[in-house]
Amino acid sequence: LFRPELLDDPATFVLAGQSADGRVL
């Protein structure tokens, strides 16, 4: 559902919370 084109939208920000080893949690 989440395509790379979403990153081109200047008003959209995908936020990721990561563990110390870099995993998205």
mmCIF file of all heavy atoms, coordinates in Angstrom:
data_MODEL
# 
_entry.id   MODEL 
# 
loop_
_atom_site.group_PDB 
_atom_site.id 
_atom_site.type_symbol 
_atom_site.label_atom_id 
_atom_site.label_alt_id 
_atom_site.label_comp_id 
_atom_site.label_asym_id 
_atom_site.label_entity_id 
_atom_site.label_seq_id 
_atom_site.pdbx_PDB_ins_code 
_atom_site.Cartn_x 
_atom_site.Cartn_y 
_atom_site.Cartn_z 
_atom_site.occupancy 
_atom_site.B_iso_or_equiv 
_atom_site.pdbx_formal_charge 
_atom_site.auth_seq_id 
_atom_site.auth_comp_id 
_atom_site.auth_asym_id 
_atom_site.auth_atom_id 
_atom_site.pdbx_PDB_model_num 
ATOM 1   N N   . LEU A 1 1  ? 0.823  -1.205 0.000  1.00 0.00 ? 1  LEU A N   1 
ATOM 2   C CA  . LEU A 1 1  ? 0.000  0.000  0.000  1.00 0.00 ? 1  LEU A CA  1 
ATOM 3   C C   . LEU A 1 1  ? 0.859  1.258  0.000  1.00 0.00 ? 1  LEU A C   1 
ATOM 4   O O   . LEU A 1 1  ? 0.507  2.264  -0.615 1.00 0.00 ? 1  LEU A O   1 
ATOM 5   C CB  . LEU A 1 1  ? -0.908 -0.022 1.236  1.00 0.00 ? 1  LEU A CB  1 
ATOM 6   C CG  . LEU A 1 1  ? -1.830 1.168  1.468  1.00 0.00 ? 1  LEU A CG  1 
ATOM 7   C CD1 . LEU A 1 1  ? -2.874 1.262  0.370  1.00 0.00 ? 1  LEU A CD1 1 
ATOM 8   C CD2 . LEU A 1 1  ? -2.517 1.045  2.832  1.00 0.00 ? 1  LEU A CD2 1 
ATOM 9   N N   . PHE A 1 2  ? 2.012  1.188  0.667  1.00 0.00 ? 2  PHE A N   1 
ATOM 10  C CA  . PHE A 1 2  ? 2.889  2.351  0.794  1.00 0.00 ? 2  PHE A CA  1 
ATOM 11  C C   . PHE A 1 2  ? 3.972  2.290  -0.280 1.00 0.00 ? 2  PHE A C   1 
ATOM 12  O O   . PHE A 1 2  ? 4.937  1.535  -0.169 1.00 0.00 ? 2  PHE A O   1 
ATOM 13  C CB  . PHE A 1 2  ? 3.496  2.409  2.194  1.00 0.00 ? 2  PHE A CB  1 
ATOM 14  C CG  . PHE A 1 2  ? 2.468  2.681  3.250  1.00 0.00 ? 2  PHE A CG  1 
ATOM 15  C CD1 . PHE A 1 2  ? 1.798  1.635  3.865  1.00 0.00 ? 2  PHE A CD1 1 
ATOM 16  C CD2 . PHE A 1 2  ? 2.145  3.987  3.606  1.00 0.00 ? 2  PHE A CD2 1 
ATOM 17  C CE1 . PHE A 1 2  ? 0.828  1.885  4.827  1.00 0.00 ? 2  PHE A CE1 1 
ATOM 18  C CE2 . PHE A 1 2  ? 1.183  4.243  4.564  1.00 0.00 ? 2  PHE A CE2 1 
ATOM 19  C CZ  . PHE A 1 2  ? 0.521  3.192  5.176  1.00 0.00 ? 2  PHE A CZ  1 
ATOM 20  N N   . ARG A 1 3  ? 3.782  3.075  -1.322 1.00 0.00 ? 3  ARG A N   1 
ATOM 21  C CA  . ARG A 1 3  ? 4.670  3.077  -2.478 1.00 0.00 ? 3  ARG A CA  1 
ATOM 22  C C   . ARG A 1 3  ? 5.721  4.176  -2.367 1.00 0.00 ? 3  ARG A C   1 
ATOM 23  O O   . ARG A 1 3  ? 5.503  5.183  -1.693 1.00 0.00 ? 3  ARG A O   1 
ATOM 24  C CB  . ARG A 1 3  ? 3.856  3.266  -3.755 1.00 0.00 ? 3  ARG A CB  1 
ATOM 25  C CG  . ARG A 1 3  ? 2.857  2.143  -4.006 1.00 0.00 ? 3  ARG A CG  1 
ATOM 26  C CD  . ARG A 1 3  ? 2.092  2.364  -5.293 1.00 0.00 ? 3  ARG A CD  1 
ATOM 27  N NE  . ARG A 1 3  ? 1.230  1.230  -5.606 1.00 0.00 ? 3  ARG A NE  1 
ATOM 28  C CZ  . ARG A 1 3  ? 0.464  1.149  -6.688 1.00 0.00 ? 3  ARG A CZ  1 
ATOM 29  N NH1 . ARG A 1 3  ? 0.447  2.175  -7.563 1.00 0.00 ? 3  ARG A NH1 1 
ATOM 30  N NH2 . ARG A 1 3  ? -0.281 0.096  -6.902 1.00 0.00 ? 3  ARG A NH2 1 
ATOM 31  N N   . PRO A 1 4  ? 6.864  4.006  -3.045 1.00 0.00 ? 4  PRO A N   1 
ATOM 32  C CA  . PRO A 1 4  ? 7.920  5.022  -2.991 1.00 0.00 ? 4  PRO A CA  1 
ATOM 33  C C   . PRO A 1 4  ? 7.460  6.410  -3.406 1.00 0.00 ? 4  PRO A C   1 
ATOM 34  O O   . PRO A 1 4  ? 8.001  7.416  -2.929 1.00 0.00 ? 4  PRO A O   1 
ATOM 35  C CB  . PRO A 1 4  ? 8.981  4.468  -3.949 1.00 0.00 ? 4  PRO A CB  1 
ATOM 36  C CG  . PRO A 1 4  ? 8.777  2.994  -3.927 1.00 0.00 ? 4  PRO A CG  1 
ATOM 37  C CD  . PRO A 1 4  ? 7.292  2.795  -3.789 1.00 0.00 ? 4  PRO A CD  1 
ATOM 38  N N   . GLU A 1 5  ? 6.450  6.493  -4.279 1.00 0.00 ? 5  GLU A N   1 
ATOM 39  C CA  . GLU A 1 5  ? 5.950  7.796  -4.733 1.00 0.00 ? 5  GLU A CA  1 
ATOM 40  C C   . GLU A 1 5  ? 5.432  8.640  -3.570 1.00 0.00 ? 5  GLU A C   1 
ATOM 41  O O   . GLU A 1 5  ? 5.378  9.877  -3.658 1.00 0.00 ? 5  GLU A O   1 
ATOM 42  C CB  . GLU A 1 5  ? 4.839  7.601  -5.764 1.00 0.00 ? 5  GLU A CB  1 
ATOM 43  C CG  . GLU A 1 5  ? 5.300  7.067  -7.102 1.00 0.00 ? 5  GLU A CG  1 
ATOM 44  C CD  . GLU A 1 5  ? 5.450  5.552  -7.143 1.00 0.00 ? 5  GLU A CD  1 
ATOM 45  O OE1 . GLU A 1 5  ? 5.276  4.899  -6.072 1.00 0.00 ? 5  GLU A OE1 1 
ATOM 46  O OE2 . GLU A 1 5  ? 5.748  5.009  -8.218 1.00 0.00 ? 5  GLU A OE2 1 
ATOM 47  N N   . LEU A 1 6  ? 5.057  7.987  -2.480 1.00 0.00 ? 6  LEU A N   1 
ATOM 48  C CA  . LEU A 1 6  ? 4.560  8.725  -1.317 1.00 0.00 ? 6  LEU A CA  1 
ATOM 49  C C   . LEU A 1 6  ? 5.627  9.656  -0.763 1.00 0.00 ? 6  LEU A C   1 
ATOM 50  O O   . LEU A 1 6  ? 5.320  10.730 -0.233 1.00 0.00 ? 6  LEU A O   1 
ATOM 51  C CB  . LEU A 1 6  ? 4.110  7.734  -0.244 1.00 0.00 ? 6  LEU A CB  1 
ATOM 52  C CG  . LEU A 1 6  ? 3.387  8.303  0.982  1.00 0.00 ? 6  LEU A CG  1 
ATOM 53  C CD1 . LEU A 1 6  ? 2.058  8.934  0.575  1.00 0.00 ? 6  LEU A CD1 1 
ATOM 54  C CD2 . LEU A 1 6  ? 3.164  7.212  2.018  1.00 0.00 ? 6  LEU A CD2 1 
ATOM 55  N N   . LEU A 1 7  ? 6.893  9.279  -0.911 1.00 0.00 ? 7  LEU A N   1 
ATOM 56  C CA  . LEU A 1 7  ? 7.993  10.084 -0.392 1.00 0.00 ? 7  LEU A CA  1 
ATOM 57  C C   . LEU A 1 7  ? 8.193  11.379 -1.176 1.00 0.00 ? 7  LEU A C   1 
ATOM 58  O O   . LEU A 1 7  ? 8.903  12.280 -0.711 1.00 0.00 ? 7  LEU A O   1 
ATOM 59  C CB  . LEU A 1 7  ? 9.290  9.268  -0.399 1.00 0.00 ? 7  LEU A CB  1 
ATOM 60  C CG  . LEU A 1 7  ? 9.268  7.965  0.414  1.00 0.00 ? 7  LEU A CG  1 
ATOM 61  C CD1 . LEU A 1 7  ? 10.579 7.226  0.240  1.00 0.00 ? 7  LEU A CD1 1 
ATOM 62  C CD2 . LEU A 1 7  ? 8.990  8.244  1.882  1.00 0.00 ? 7  LEU A CD2 1 
ATOM 63  N N   . ASP A 1 8  ? 7.588  11.463 -2.355 1.00 0.00 ? 8  ASP A N   1 
ATOM 64  C CA  . ASP A 1 8  ? 7.723  12.665 -3.176 1.00 0.00 ? 8  ASP A CA  1 
ATOM 65  C C   . ASP A 1 8  ? 6.776  13.779 -2.755 1.00 0.00 ? 8  ASP A C   1 
ATOM 66  O O   . ASP A 1 8  ? 6.916  14.918 -3.209 1.00 0.00 ? 8  ASP A O   1 
ATOM 67  C CB  . ASP A 1 8  ? 7.473  12.330 -4.655 1.00 0.00 ? 8  ASP A CB  1 
ATOM 68  C CG  . ASP A 1 8  ? 8.489  11.359 -5.222 1.00 0.00 ? 8  ASP A CG  1 
ATOM 69  O OD1 . ASP A 1 8  ? 9.641  11.365 -4.730 1.00 0.00 ? 8  ASP A OD1 1 
ATOM 70  O OD2 . ASP A 1 8  ? 8.139  10.598 -6.139 1.00 0.00 ? 8  ASP A OD2 1 
ATOM 71  N N   . ASP A 1 9  ? 5.816  13.459 -1.896 1.00 0.00 ? 9  ASP A N   1 
ATOM 72  C CA  . ASP A 1 9  ? 4.844  14.459 -1.452 1.00 0.00 ? 9  ASP A CA  1 
ATOM 73  C C   . ASP A 1 9  ? 5.480  15.318 -0.356 1.00 0.00 ? 9  ASP A C   1 
ATOM 74  O O   . ASP A 1 9  ? 5.796  14.811 0.726  1.00 0.00 ? 9  ASP A O   1 
ATOM 75  C CB  . ASP A 1 9  ? 3.596  13.768 -0.918 1.00 0.00 ? 9  ASP A CB  1 
ATOM 76  C CG  . ASP A 1 9  ? 2.481  14.743 -0.560 1.00 0.00 ? 9  ASP A CG  1 
ATOM 77  O OD1 . ASP A 1 9  ? 2.749  15.966 -0.491 1.00 0.00 ? 9  ASP A OD1 1 
ATOM 78  O OD2 . ASP A 1 9  ? 1.344  14.296 -0.355 1.00 0.00 ? 9  ASP A OD2 1 
ATOM 79  N N   . PRO A 1 10 ? 5.658  16.614 -0.595 1.00 0.00 ? 10 PRO A N   1 
ATOM 80  C CA  . PRO A 1 10 ? 6.344  17.456 0.391  1.00 0.00 ? 10 PRO A CA  1 
ATOM 81  C C   . PRO A 1 10 ? 5.568  17.672 1.684  1.00 0.00 ? 10 PRO A C   1 
ATOM 82  O O   . PRO A 1 10 ? 6.141  18.147 2.671  1.00 0.00 ? 10 PRO A O   1 
ATOM 83  C CB  . PRO A 1 10 ? 6.546  18.776 -0.361 1.00 0.00 ? 10 PRO A CB  1 
ATOM 84  C CG  . PRO A 1 10 ? 5.471  18.795 -1.391 1.00 0.00 ? 10 PRO A CG  1 
ATOM 85  C CD  . PRO A 1 10 ? 5.285  17.370 -1.806 1.00 0.00 ? 10 PRO A CD  1 
ATOM 86  N N   . ALA A 1 11 ? 4.285  17.332 1.685  1.00 0.00 ? 11 ALA A N   1 
ATOM 87  C CA  . ALA A 1 11 ? 3.477  17.538 2.891  1.00 0.00 ? 11 ALA A CA  1 
ATOM 88  C C   . ALA A 1 11 ? 3.284  16.253 3.692  1.00 0.00 ? 11 ALA A C   1 
ATOM 89  O O   . ALA A 1 11 ? 2.613  16.269 4.724  1.00 0.00 ? 11 ALA A O   1 
ATOM 90  C CB  . ALA A 1 11 ? 2.108  18.112 2.515  1.00 0.00 ? 11 ALA A CB  1 
ATOM 91  N N   . THR A 1 12 ? 3.876  15.144 3.234  1.00 0.00 ? 12 THR A N   1 
ATOM 92  C CA  . THR A 1 12 ? 3.706  13.856 3.902  1.00 0.00 ? 12 THR A CA  1 
ATOM 93  C C   . THR A 1 12 ? 5.022  13.405 4.512  1.00 0.00 ? 12 THR A C   1 
ATOM 94  O O   . THR A 1 12 ? 6.061  13.428 3.841  1.00 0.00 ? 12 THR A O   1 
ATOM 95  C CB  . THR A 1 12 ? 3.202  12.794 2.910  1.00 0.00 ? 12 THR A CB  1 
ATOM 96  O OG1 . THR A 1 12 ? 1.928  13.188 2.388  1.00 0.00 ? 12 THR A OG1 1 
ATOM 97  C CG2 . THR A 1 12 ? 3.040  11.445 3.595  1.00 0.00 ? 12 THR A CG2 1 
ATOM 98  N N   . PHE A 1 13 ? 4.964  12.974 5.773  1.00 0.00 ? 13 PHE A N   1 
ATOM 99  C CA  . PHE A 1 13 ? 6.156  12.563 6.495  1.00 0.00 ? 13 PHE A CA  1 
ATOM 100 C C   . PHE A 1 13 ? 5.890  11.210 7.150  1.00 0.00 ? 13 PHE A C   1 
ATOM 101 O O   . PHE A 1 13 ? 5.038  11.097 8.034  1.00 0.00 ? 13 PHE A O   1 
ATOM 102 C CB  . PHE A 1 13 ? 6.511  13.597 7.569  1.00 0.00 ? 13 PHE A CB  1 
ATOM 103 C CG  . PHE A 1 13 ? 6.775  14.968 7.008  1.00 0.00 ? 13 PHE A CG  1 
ATOM 104 C CD1 . PHE A 1 13 ? 5.716  15.812 6.667  1.00 0.00 ? 13 PHE A CD1 1 
ATOM 105 C CD2 . PHE A 1 13 ? 8.069  15.415 6.799  1.00 0.00 ? 13 PHE A CD2 1 
ATOM 106 C CE1 . PHE A 1 13 ? 5.946  17.077 6.143  1.00 0.00 ? 13 PHE A CE1 1 
ATOM 107 C CE2 . PHE A 1 13 ? 8.308  16.675 6.270  1.00 0.00 ? 13 PHE A CE2 1 
ATOM 108 C CZ  . PHE A 1 13 ? 7.251  17.497 5.938  1.00 0.00 ? 13 PHE A CZ  1 
ATOM 109 N N   . VAL A 1 14 ? 6.602  10.187 6.692  1.00 0.00 ? 14 VAL A N   1 
ATOM 110 C CA  . VAL A 1 14 ? 6.496  8.863  7.288  1.00 0.00 ? 14 VAL A CA  1 
ATOM 111 C C   . VAL A 1 14 ? 7.497  8.804  8.436  1.00 0.00 ? 14 VAL A C   1 
ATOM 112 O O   . VAL A 1 14 ? 8.692  9.008  8.243  1.00 0.00 ? 14 VAL A O   1 
ATOM 113 C CB  . VAL A 1 14 ? 6.782  7.765  6.254  1.00 0.00 ? 14 VAL A CB  1 
ATOM 114 C CG1 . VAL A 1 14 ? 6.684  6.388  6.892  1.00 0.00 ? 14 VAL A CG1 1 
ATOM 115 C CG2 . VAL A 1 14 ? 5.807  7.868  5.078  1.00 0.00 ? 14 VAL A CG2 1 
ATOM 116 N N   . LEU A 1 15 ? 7.008  8.520  9.636  1.00 0.00 ? 15 LEU A N   1 
ATOM 117 C CA  . LEU A 1 15 ? 7.817  8.567  10.850 1.00 0.00 ? 15 LEU A CA  1 
ATOM 118 C C   . LEU A 1 15 ? 8.088  7.156  11.354 1.00 0.00 ? 15 LEU A C   1 
ATOM 119 O O   . LEU A 1 15 ? 7.154  6.360  11.511 1.00 0.00 ? 15 LEU A O   1 
ATOM 120 C CB  . LEU A 1 15 ? 7.101  9.372  11.934 1.00 0.00 ? 15 LEU A CB  1 
ATOM 121 C CG  . LEU A 1 15 ? 6.538  10.735 11.502 1.00 0.00 ? 15 LEU A CG  1 
ATOM 122 C CD1 . LEU A 1 15 ? 5.801  11.390 12.662 1.00 0.00 ? 15 LEU A CD1 1 
ATOM 123 C CD2 . LEU A 1 15 ? 7.649  11.641 10.973 1.00 0.00 ? 15 LEU A CD2 1 
ATOM 124 N N   . ALA A 1 16 ? 9.358  6.857  11.625 1.00 0.00 ? 16 ALA A N   1 
ATOM 125 C CA  . ALA A 1 16 ? 9.744  5.517  12.050 1.00 0.00 ? 16 ALA A CA  1 
ATOM 126 C C   . ALA A 1 16 ? 10.442 5.562  13.396 1.00 0.00 ? 16 ALA A C   1 
ATOM 127 O O   . ALA A 1 16 ? 11.384 6.335  13.595 1.00 0.00 ? 16 ALA A O   1 
ATOM 128 C CB  . ALA A 1 16 ? 10.665 4.879  11.015 1.00 0.00 ? 16 ALA A CB  1 
ATOM 129 N N   . GLY A 1 17 ? 9.981  4.725  14.318 1.00 0.00 ? 17 GLY A N   1 
ATOM 130 C CA  . GLY A 1 17 ? 10.633 4.551  15.605 1.00 0.00 ? 17 GLY A CA  1 
ATOM 131 C C   . GLY A 1 17 ? 11.452 3.272  15.581 1.00 0.00 ? 17 GLY A C   1 
ATOM 132 O O   . GLY A 1 17 ? 10.910 2.180  15.340 1.00 0.00 ? 17 GLY A O   1 
ATOM 133 N N   . GLN A 1 18 ? 12.748 3.391  15.809 1.00 0.00 ? 18 GLN A N   1 
ATOM 134 C CA  . GLN A 1 18 ? 13.653 2.258  15.638 1.00 0.00 ? 18 GLN A CA  1 
ATOM 135 C C   . GLN A 1 18 ? 14.326 1.867  16.946 1.00 0.00 ? 18 GLN A C   1 
ATOM 136 O O   . GLN A 1 18 ? 14.617 2.704  17.799 1.00 0.00 ? 18 GLN A O   1 
ATOM 137 C CB  . GLN A 1 18 ? 14.731 2.603  14.605 1.00 0.00 ? 18 GLN A CB  1 
ATOM 138 C CG  . GLN A 1 18 ? 14.168 2.899  13.226 1.00 0.00 ? 18 GLN A CG  1 
ATOM 139 C CD  . GLN A 1 18 ? 15.242 3.308  12.237 1.00 0.00 ? 18 GLN A CD  1 
ATOM 140 O OE1 . GLN A 1 18 ? 16.165 4.043  12.588 1.00 0.00 ? 18 GLN A OE1 1 
ATOM 141 N NE2 . GLN A 1 18 ? 15.139 2.838  11.017 1.00 0.00 ? 18 GLN A NE2 1 
ATOM 142 N N   . SER A 1 19 ? 14.612 0.574  17.037 1.00 0.00 ? 19 SER A N   1 
ATOM 143 C CA  . SER A 1 19 ? 15.376 0.052  18.167 1.00 0.00 ? 19 SER A CA  1 
ATOM 144 C C   . SER A 1 19 ? 16.850 0.355  17.963 1.00 0.00 ? 19 SER A C   1 
ATOM 145 O O   . SER A 1 19 ? 17.263 0.856  16.907 1.00 0.00 ? 19 SER A O   1 
ATOM 146 C CB  . SER A 1 19 ? 15.162 -1.460 18.272 1.00 0.00 ? 19 SER A CB  1 
ATOM 147 O OG  . SER A 1 19 ? 15.642 -2.104 17.099 1.00 0.00 ? 19 SER A OG  1 
ATOM 148 N N   . ALA A 1 20 ? 17.674 0.005  18.949 1.00 0.00 ? 20 ALA A N   1 
ATOM 149 C CA  . ALA A 1 20 ? 19.102 0.272  18.859 1.00 0.00 ? 20 ALA A CA  1 
ATOM 150 C C   . ALA A 1 20 ? 19.758 -0.458 17.698 1.00 0.00 ? 20 ALA A C   1 
ATOM 151 O O   . ALA A 1 20 ? 20.763 0.007  17.149 1.00 0.00 ? 20 ALA A O   1 
ATOM 152 C CB  . ALA A 1 20 ? 19.782 -0.106 20.178 1.00 0.00 ? 20 ALA A CB  1 
ATOM 153 N N   . ASP A 1 21 ? 19.194 -1.602 17.306 1.00 0.00 ? 21 ASP A N   1 
ATOM 154 C CA  . ASP A 1 21 ? 19.762 -2.350 16.186 1.00 0.00 ? 21 ASP A CA  1 
ATOM 155 C C   . ASP A 1 21 ? 19.115 -2.006 14.846 1.00 0.00 ? 21 ASP A C   1 
ATOM 156 O O   . ASP A 1 21 ? 19.328 -2.691 13.848 1.00 0.00 ? 21 ASP A O   1 
ATOM 157 C CB  . ASP A 1 21 ? 19.671 -3.855 16.435 1.00 0.00 ? 21 ASP A CB  1 
ATOM 158 C CG  . ASP A 1 21 ? 18.235 -4.346 16.616 1.00 0.00 ? 21 ASP A CG  1 
ATOM 159 O OD1 . ASP A 1 21 ? 17.303 -3.510 16.527 1.00 0.00 ? 21 ASP A OD1 1 
ATOM 160 O OD2 . ASP A 1 21 ? 18.042 -5.548 16.843 1.00 0.00 ? 21 ASP A OD2 1 
ATOM 161 N N   . GLY A 1 22 ? 18.312 -0.929 14.810 1.00 0.00 ? 22 GLY A N   1 
ATOM 162 C CA  . GLY A 1 22 ? 17.773 -0.424 13.550 1.00 0.00 ? 22 GLY A CA  1 
ATOM 163 C C   . GLY A 1 22 ? 16.459 -1.017 13.107 1.00 0.00 ? 22 GLY A C   1 
ATOM 164 O O   . GLY A 1 22 ? 15.982 -0.705 12.006 1.00 0.00 ? 22 GLY A O   1 
ATOM 165 N N   . ARG A 1 23 ? 15.811 -1.843 13.909 1.00 0.00 ? 23 ARG A N   1 
ATOM 166 C CA  . ARG A 1 23 ? 14.520 -2.415 13.533 1.00 0.00 ? 23 ARG A CA  1 
ATOM 167 C C   . ARG A 1 23 ? 13.391 -1.412 13.768 1.00 0.00 ? 23 ARG A C   1 
ATOM 168 O O   . ARG A 1 23 ? 13.373 -0.726 14.788 1.00 0.00 ? 23 ARG A O   1 
ATOM 169 C CB  . ARG A 1 23 ? 14.236 -3.694 14.332 1.00 0.00 ? 23 ARG A CB  1 
ATOM 170 C CG  . ARG A 1 23 ? 15.149 -4.860 13.985 1.00 0.00 ? 23 ARG A CG  1 
ATOM 171 C CD  . ARG A 1 23 ? 14.809 -6.074 14.825 1.00 0.00 ? 23 ARG A CD  1 
ATOM 172 N NE  . ARG A 1 23 ? 14.988 -5.805 16.243 1.00 0.00 ? 23 ARG A NE  1 
ATOM 173 C CZ  . ARG A 1 23 ? 14.073 -6.054 17.177 1.00 0.00 ? 23 ARG A CZ  1 
ATOM 174 N NH1 . ARG A 1 23 ? 12.882 -6.525 16.843 1.00 0.00 ? 23 ARG A NH1 1 
ATOM 175 N NH2 . ARG A 1 23 ? 14.328 -5.794 18.448 1.00 0.00 ? 23 ARG A NH2 1 
ATOM 176 N N   . VAL A 1 24 ? 12.463 -1.336 12.821 1.00 0.00 ? 24 VAL A N   1 
ATOM 177 C CA  . VAL A 1 24 ? 11.299 -0.456 12.973 1.00 0.00 ? 24 VAL A CA  1 
ATOM 178 C C   . VAL A 1 24 ? 10.299 -1.134 13.899 1.00 0.00 ? 24 VAL A C   1 
ATOM 179 O O   . VAL A 1 24 ? 9.787  -2.212 13.590 1.00 0.00 ? 24 VAL A O   1 
ATOM 180 C CB  . VAL A 1 24 ? 10.646 -0.150 11.615 1.00 0.00 ? 24 VAL A CB  1 
ATOM 181 C CG1 . VAL A 1 24 ? 9.414  0.729  11.815 1.00 0.00 ? 24 VAL A CG1 1 
ATOM 182 C CG2 . VAL A 1 24 ? 11.628 0.535  10.674 1.00 0.00 ? 24 VAL A CG2 1 
ATOM 183 N N   . LEU A 1 25 ? 10.036 -0.503 15.020 1.00 0.00 ? 25 LEU A N   1 
ATOM 184 C CA  . LEU A 1 25 ? 9.119  -1.058 16.014 1.00 0.00 ? 25 LEU A CA  1 
ATOM 185 C C   . LEU A 1 25 ? 7.859  -0.225 16.196 1.00 0.00 ? 25 LEU A C   1 
ATOM 186 O O   . LEU A 1 25 ? 6.912  -0.667 16.847 1.00 0.00 ? 25 LEU A O   1 
ATOM 187 C CB  . LEU A 1 25 ? 9.824  -1.186 17.367 1.00 0.00 ? 25 LEU A CB  1 
ATOM 188 C CG  . LEU A 1 25 ? 11.037 -2.125 17.414 1.00 0.00 ? 25 LEU A CG  1 
ATOM 189 C CD1 . LEU A 1 25 ? 11.604 -2.169 18.824 1.00 0.00 ? 25 LEU A CD1 1 
ATOM 190 C CD2 . LEU A 1 25 ? 10.666 -3.533 16.943 1.00 0.00 ? 25 LEU A CD2 1 
# 
